[in-house]
């Protein structure tokens, strides 16, 4: 098995090393793991691509490359520059430091990498580690992902249905904010939304009097609707959410026929 991995926290992020270990176990002794990851942190860039300017890619070691671009750029670079014409069996993105459940999924560069993999016609999975009070003092805050990641991915691959849409499926996997031994199991869950939460900006004045804005996140302890991703994560389950890049509100197509 040949696996391409990326992330949005950057080439030196500890979560990438966790993912590399997961990928090596999946690939087996005869397989290959290739890394193409951002040279610098790219959190929150979503499915951004560097369409209006080029980006540099550098070989950092055997099968290891850093690209000055977003995760989606890294996937394209991996497929078309690093491994042109070679079969890639799986694309993995992560392990993200923090969850990409609920509305976080819409901003996530980790998911952007997996989405690009699916758009390129490959099986792709994004992995994220929910952090919280129970993980802060762990020797390895990525313990849940490290311990359960291989088995979850194997289960997904074993049950991955035949693609029936031009927009291929990718998977959003979130490990709960607890120790690996306390994980309750796996739940297939829809994407939720934390009610009443919004990203916002907070202004700060520089010494020169200029205004700079910091983006503020939301309270990650707020749960989403029962059975959805953030809700099951806070109940100590690993969430698996199948996704497509199709943004159509299919439920409204028929009712909007009146405007034609």
Protein backbone atom coordinates (compact mmCIF):
# COMPACT_ATOMS: atom_id res chain seq x y z
CA UNK A 1 0.00 0.00 0.00
CA UNK A 2 1.26 3.46 -0.90
CA UNK A 3 -0.04 6.20 1.42
CA UNK A 4 0.33 9.97 1.05
CA UNK A 5 -0.02 12.00 4.25
CA UNK A 6 -0.35 15.70 4.97
CA UNK A 7 -1.67 18.00 7.70
CA UNK A 8 -2.41 21.65 8.42
CA UNK A 9 -0.32 22.08 11.59
CA UNK A 10 2.94 21.93 9.64
CA UNK A 11 5.76 19.56 8.80
CA UNK A 12 7.16 19.60 12.35
CA UNK A 13 3.85 19.14 14.20
CA UNK A 14 3.68 16.25 16.70
CA UNK A 15 0.35 15.12 15.26
CA UNK A 16 2.02 14.47 11.91
CA UNK A 17 4.45 12.07 13.58
CA UNK A 18 1.46 10.25 15.11
CA UNK A 19 -0.10 10.01 11.65
CA UNK A 20 3.17 8.78 10.17
CA UNK A 21 3.23 5.94 12.69
CA UNK A 22 -0.40 5.09 11.88
CA UNK A 23 0.31 5.14 8.14
CA UNK A 24 3.41 2.96 8.49
CA UNK A 25 1.42 0.30 10.33
CA UNK A 26 -1.31 0.43 7.69
CA UNK A 27 1.14 0.28 4.80
CA UNK A 28 3.05 -2.66 6.24
CA UNK A 29 6.70 -3.59 5.65
CA UNK A 30 6.24 -3.74 1.89
CA UNK A 31 4.35 -0.46 1.67
CA UNK A 32 5.39 3.17 1.34
CA UNK A 33 4.47 6.29 3.28
CA UNK A 34 5.10 9.63 1.61
CA UNK A 35 4.83 12.95 3.46
CA UNK A 36 4.02 16.25 1.78
CA UNK A 37 3.09 18.75 4.48
CA UNK A 38 3.01 22.54 4.83
CA UNK A 39 6.30 24.18 5.69
CA UNK A 40 4.41 26.40 8.17
CA UNK A 41 1.15 26.06 10.07
CA UNK A 42 -1.92 26.37 7.84
CA UNK A 43 -4.74 25.95 10.37
CA UNK A 44 -8.08 27.42 9.34
CA UNK A 45 -7.34 27.69 5.63
CA UNK A 46 -10.08 25.24 4.63
CA UNK A 47 -9.79 24.03 1.04
CA UNK A 48 -7.59 26.92 -0.04
CA UNK A 49 -5.29 26.42 -3.02
CA UNK A 50 -2.46 28.70 -4.11
CA UNK A 51 -4.14 29.55 -7.41
CA UNK A 52 -2.70 33.04 -7.92
CA UNK A 53 0.93 32.44 -6.97
CA UNK A 54 3.42 29.54 -7.07
CA UNK A 55 4.63 27.77 -3.95
CA UNK A 56 8.00 26.18 -3.24
CA UNK A 57 8.44 22.51 -2.39
CA UNK A 58 11.58 21.17 -0.74
CA UNK A 59 12.77 17.63 -0.10
CA UNK A 60 13.47 17.28 3.64
CA UNK A 61 14.50 13.63 3.64
CA UNK A 62 13.53 10.26 2.16
CA UNK A 63 9.84 10.41 1.13
CA UNK A 64 9.47 13.65 3.10
CA UNK A 65 8.66 17.05 1.53
CA UNK A 66 7.68 20.47 2.83
CA UNK A 67 5.59 22.78 0.66
CA UNK A 68 4.98 26.48 1.21
CA UNK A 69 1.27 26.04 0.61
CA UNK A 70 -1.99 24.84 2.09
CA UNK A 71 -2.87 21.18 2.73
CA UNK A 72 -4.80 20.99 -0.55
CA UNK A 73 -1.70 22.30 -2.33
CA UNK A 74 0.34 19.59 -0.60
CA UNK A 75 -1.98 16.86 -1.84
CA UNK A 76 -1.76 18.15 -5.41
CA UNK A 77 2.02 18.42 -5.12
CA UNK A 78 2.23 14.90 -3.75
CA UNK A 79 0.13 13.38 -6.48
CA UNK A 80 1.40 15.34 -9.47
CA UNK A 81 4.99 16.35 -8.57
CA UNK A 82 6.33 13.90 -5.99
CA UNK A 83 4.49 10.77 -7.18
CA UNK A 84 3.44 11.54 -10.77
CA UNK A 85 1.78 8.61 -12.45
CA UNK A 86 2.28 6.32 -9.47
CA UNK A 87 -0.71 4.68 -7.77
CA UNK A 88 -1.66 6.12 -4.37
CA UNK A 89 -3.94 3.86 -2.36
CA UNK A 90 -4.88 6.24 0.45
CA UNK A 91 -4.52 9.87 1.48
CA UNK A 92 -4.48 10.72 5.20
CA UNK A 93 -4.59 14.21 6.69
CA UNK A 94 -3.79 15.07 10.33
CA UNK A 95 -3.63 14.22 13.10
CA UNK A 96 -4.95 17.70 13.82
CA UNK A 97 -4.27 19.31 17.20
CA UNK A 98 -7.88 19.95 18.23
CA UNK A 99 -11.20 18.73 16.93
CA UNK A 100 -12.69 19.31 13.51
CA UNK A 101 -16.22 18.39 14.54
CA UNK A 102 -19.34 20.47 13.87
CA UNK A 103 -18.74 23.92 12.35
CA UNK A 104 -14.97 23.53 12.74
CA UNK A 105 -15.06 21.20 9.74
CA UNK A 106 -15.92 24.12 7.47
CA UNK A 107 -12.73 26.00 8.31
CA UNK A 108 -10.36 23.08 8.63
CA UNK A 109 -7.24 22.80 6.51
CA UNK A 110 -7.03 19.18 7.68
CA UNK A 111 -10.34 18.47 5.97
CA UNK A 112 -9.25 20.59 3.01
CA UNK A 113 -6.44 18.13 2.38
CA UNK A 114 -8.77 15.14 2.53
CA UNK A 115 -11.32 16.91 0.34
CA UNK A 116 -8.69 17.54 -2.31
CA UNK A 117 -7.73 13.88 -2.17
CA UNK A 118 -11.34 12.91 -2.86
CA UNK A 119 -11.62 15.45 -5.68
CA UNK A 120 -8.49 13.89 -7.19
CA UNK A 121 -10.23 10.50 -7.14
CA UNK A 122 -8.55 8.93 -4.11
CA UNK A 123 -9.76 7.45 -0.84
CA UNK A 124 -9.09 10.09 1.78
CA UNK A 125 -9.51 10.39 5.55
CA UNK A 126 -8.96 13.35 7.88
CA UNK A 127 -8.09 12.66 11.52
CA UNK A 128 -8.31 15.09 14.44
CA UNK A 129 -7.73 14.80 18.18
CA UNK A 130 -10.29 16.58 20.38
CA UNK A 131 -8.47 18.22 23.29
CA UNK A 132 -9.85 18.98 26.74
CA UNK A 133 -9.33 18.78 30.48
CA UNK A 134 -8.77 15.01 30.34
CA UNK A 135 -6.03 15.22 27.70
CA UNK A 136 -4.06 18.23 28.94
CA UNK A 137 -1.94 16.26 31.42
CA UNK A 138 -1.42 13.17 29.28
CA UNK A 139 2.20 12.48 28.29
CA UNK A 140 0.88 12.28 24.72
CA UNK A 141 -2.27 14.34 24.10
CA UNK A 142 -2.68 12.44 20.80
CA UNK A 143 -2.91 9.15 22.72
CA UNK A 144 -6.46 8.39 21.58
CA UNK A 145 -5.61 8.80 17.91
CA UNK A 146 -2.33 6.92 18.27
CA UNK A 147 -3.99 3.95 19.98
CA UNK A 148 -7.22 3.70 17.95
CA UNK A 149 -6.31 5.27 14.60
CA UNK A 150 -5.18 2.16 12.72
CA UNK A 151 -8.24 0.10 13.66
CA UNK A 152 -10.70 2.89 12.80
CA UNK A 153 -9.11 3.44 9.39
CA UNK A 154 -9.14 -0.30 8.69
CA UNK A 155 -12.84 -0.45 9.54
CA UNK A 156 -13.58 2.48 7.23
CA UNK A 157 -11.61 0.98 4.35
CA UNK A 158 -13.29 -2.41 4.84
CA UNK A 159 -16.77 -0.87 4.60
CA UNK A 160 -16.05 1.93 2.13
CA UNK A 161 -18.87 1.69 -0.43
CA UNK A 162 -18.48 1.92 -4.17
CA UNK A 163 -18.36 5.59 -5.06
CA UNK A 164 -21.71 6.52 -6.58
CA UNK A 165 -21.15 10.21 -7.14
CA UNK A 166 -18.85 12.41 -9.19
CA UNK A 167 -17.92 13.99 -5.86
CA UNK A 168 -16.05 11.24 -4.06
CA UNK A 169 -16.48 10.53 -0.36
CA UNK A 170 -13.89 11.54 2.21
CA UNK A 171 -14.10 10.84 5.92
CA UNK A 172 -13.88 13.13 8.93
CA UNK A 173 -12.65 11.20 12.00
CA UNK A 174 -12.50 12.89 15.42
CA UNK A 175 -11.04 11.21 18.51
CA UNK A 176 -12.67 12.20 21.81
CA UNK A 177 -11.06 14.38 24.52
CA UNK A 178 -10.08 11.55 26.85
CA UNK A 179 -7.37 8.96 27.41
CA UNK A 180 -7.21 6.09 24.95
CA UNK A 181 -8.38 3.61 27.57
CA UNK A 182 -11.52 5.66 28.20
CA UNK A 183 -12.69 5.76 24.58
CA UNK A 184 -16.20 4.28 24.53
CA UNK A 185 -16.22 3.10 20.92
CA UNK A 186 -16.95 4.35 17.42
CA UNK A 187 -20.06 6.14 16.20
CA UNK A 188 -20.97 7.05 12.62
CA UNK A 189 -22.33 10.55 13.05
CA UNK A 190 -23.62 13.44 10.98
CA UNK A 191 -21.88 16.78 11.15
CA UNK A 192 -23.44 18.89 13.88
CA UNK A 193 -23.30 22.53 14.89
CA UNK A 194 -22.70 23.97 18.34
CA UNK A 195 -25.74 26.20 18.95
CA UNK A 196 -25.10 29.86 19.52
CA UNK A 197 -21.43 29.67 18.63
CA UNK A 198 -19.68 31.88 16.10
CA UNK A 199 -16.12 32.68 15.23
CA UNK A 200 -15.42 36.37 15.82
CA UNK A 201 -12.62 38.94 15.89
CA UNK A 202 -11.02 40.74 18.81
CA UNK A 203 -9.25 44.05 18.12
CA UNK A 204 -5.87 44.96 19.59
CA UNK A 205 -3.86 48.14 19.18
CA UNK A 206 -0.20 47.87 18.22
CA UNK A 207 2.38 50.21 19.82
CA UNK A 208 2.20 52.26 16.61
CA UNK A 209 -1.53 52.76 17.04
CA UNK A 210 -2.63 50.44 14.26
CA UNK A 211 -5.54 48.04 14.79
CA UNK A 212 -4.94 44.33 14.44
CA UNK A 213 -7.68 41.70 14.68
CA UNK A 214 -7.29 38.29 16.30
CA UNK A 215 -9.79 35.63 15.27
CA UNK A 216 -11.42 34.09 18.33
CA UNK A 217 -12.69 30.54 18.38
CA UNK A 218 -15.71 29.12 20.16
CA UNK A 219 -16.27 27.09 23.31
CA UNK A 220 -15.44 23.49 22.39
CA UNK A 221 -17.28 22.15 25.45
CA UNK A 222 -20.64 23.06 23.89
CA UNK A 223 -22.31 19.97 22.48
CA UNK A 224 -24.13 19.60 19.19
CA UNK A 225 -27.45 17.81 18.61
CA UNK A 226 -27.71 14.26 19.99
CA UNK A 227 -26.02 11.72 17.76
CA UNK A 228 -23.98 14.28 15.81
CA UNK A 229 -20.20 14.46 15.79
CA UNK A 230 -19.36 16.87 18.62
CA UNK A 231 -22.04 15.30 20.82
CA UNK A 232 -20.68 11.77 20.51
CA UNK A 233 -17.10 13.04 20.93
CA UNK A 234 -18.03 14.58 24.27
CA UNK A 235 -19.60 11.23 25.18
CA UNK A 236 -16.13 9.71 24.59
CA UNK A 237 -16.85 8.14 21.20
CA UNK A 238 -14.76 8.39 18.06
CA UNK A 239 -16.91 10.01 15.39
CA UNK A 240 -16.75 8.98 11.73
CA UNK A 241 -18.53 11.34 9.33
CA UNK A 242 -18.70 10.59 5.59
CA UNK A 243 -18.55 13.80 3.56
CA UNK A 244 -18.64 15.07 -0.02
CA UNK A 245 -17.59 18.38 -1.51
CA UNK A 246 -21.06 18.88 -3.02
CA UNK A 247 -22.42 22.04 -1.34
CA UNK A 248 -25.88 21.82 -2.89
CA UNK A 249 -28.82 22.15 -0.49
CA UNK A 250 -30.60 19.19 -2.09
CA UNK A 251 -33.58 19.49 0.26
CA UNK A 252 -34.45 22.88 -1.26
CA UNK A 253 -34.16 22.08 -4.96
CA UNK A 254 -37.80 21.07 -5.38
CA UNK A 255 -39.28 23.94 -3.36
CA UNK A 256 -37.24 26.47 -5.35
CA UNK A 257 -38.71 25.27 -8.66
CA UNK A 258 -41.26 28.08 -8.27
CA UNK A 259 -38.67 30.69 -9.17
CA UNK A 260 -37.99 29.15 -12.57
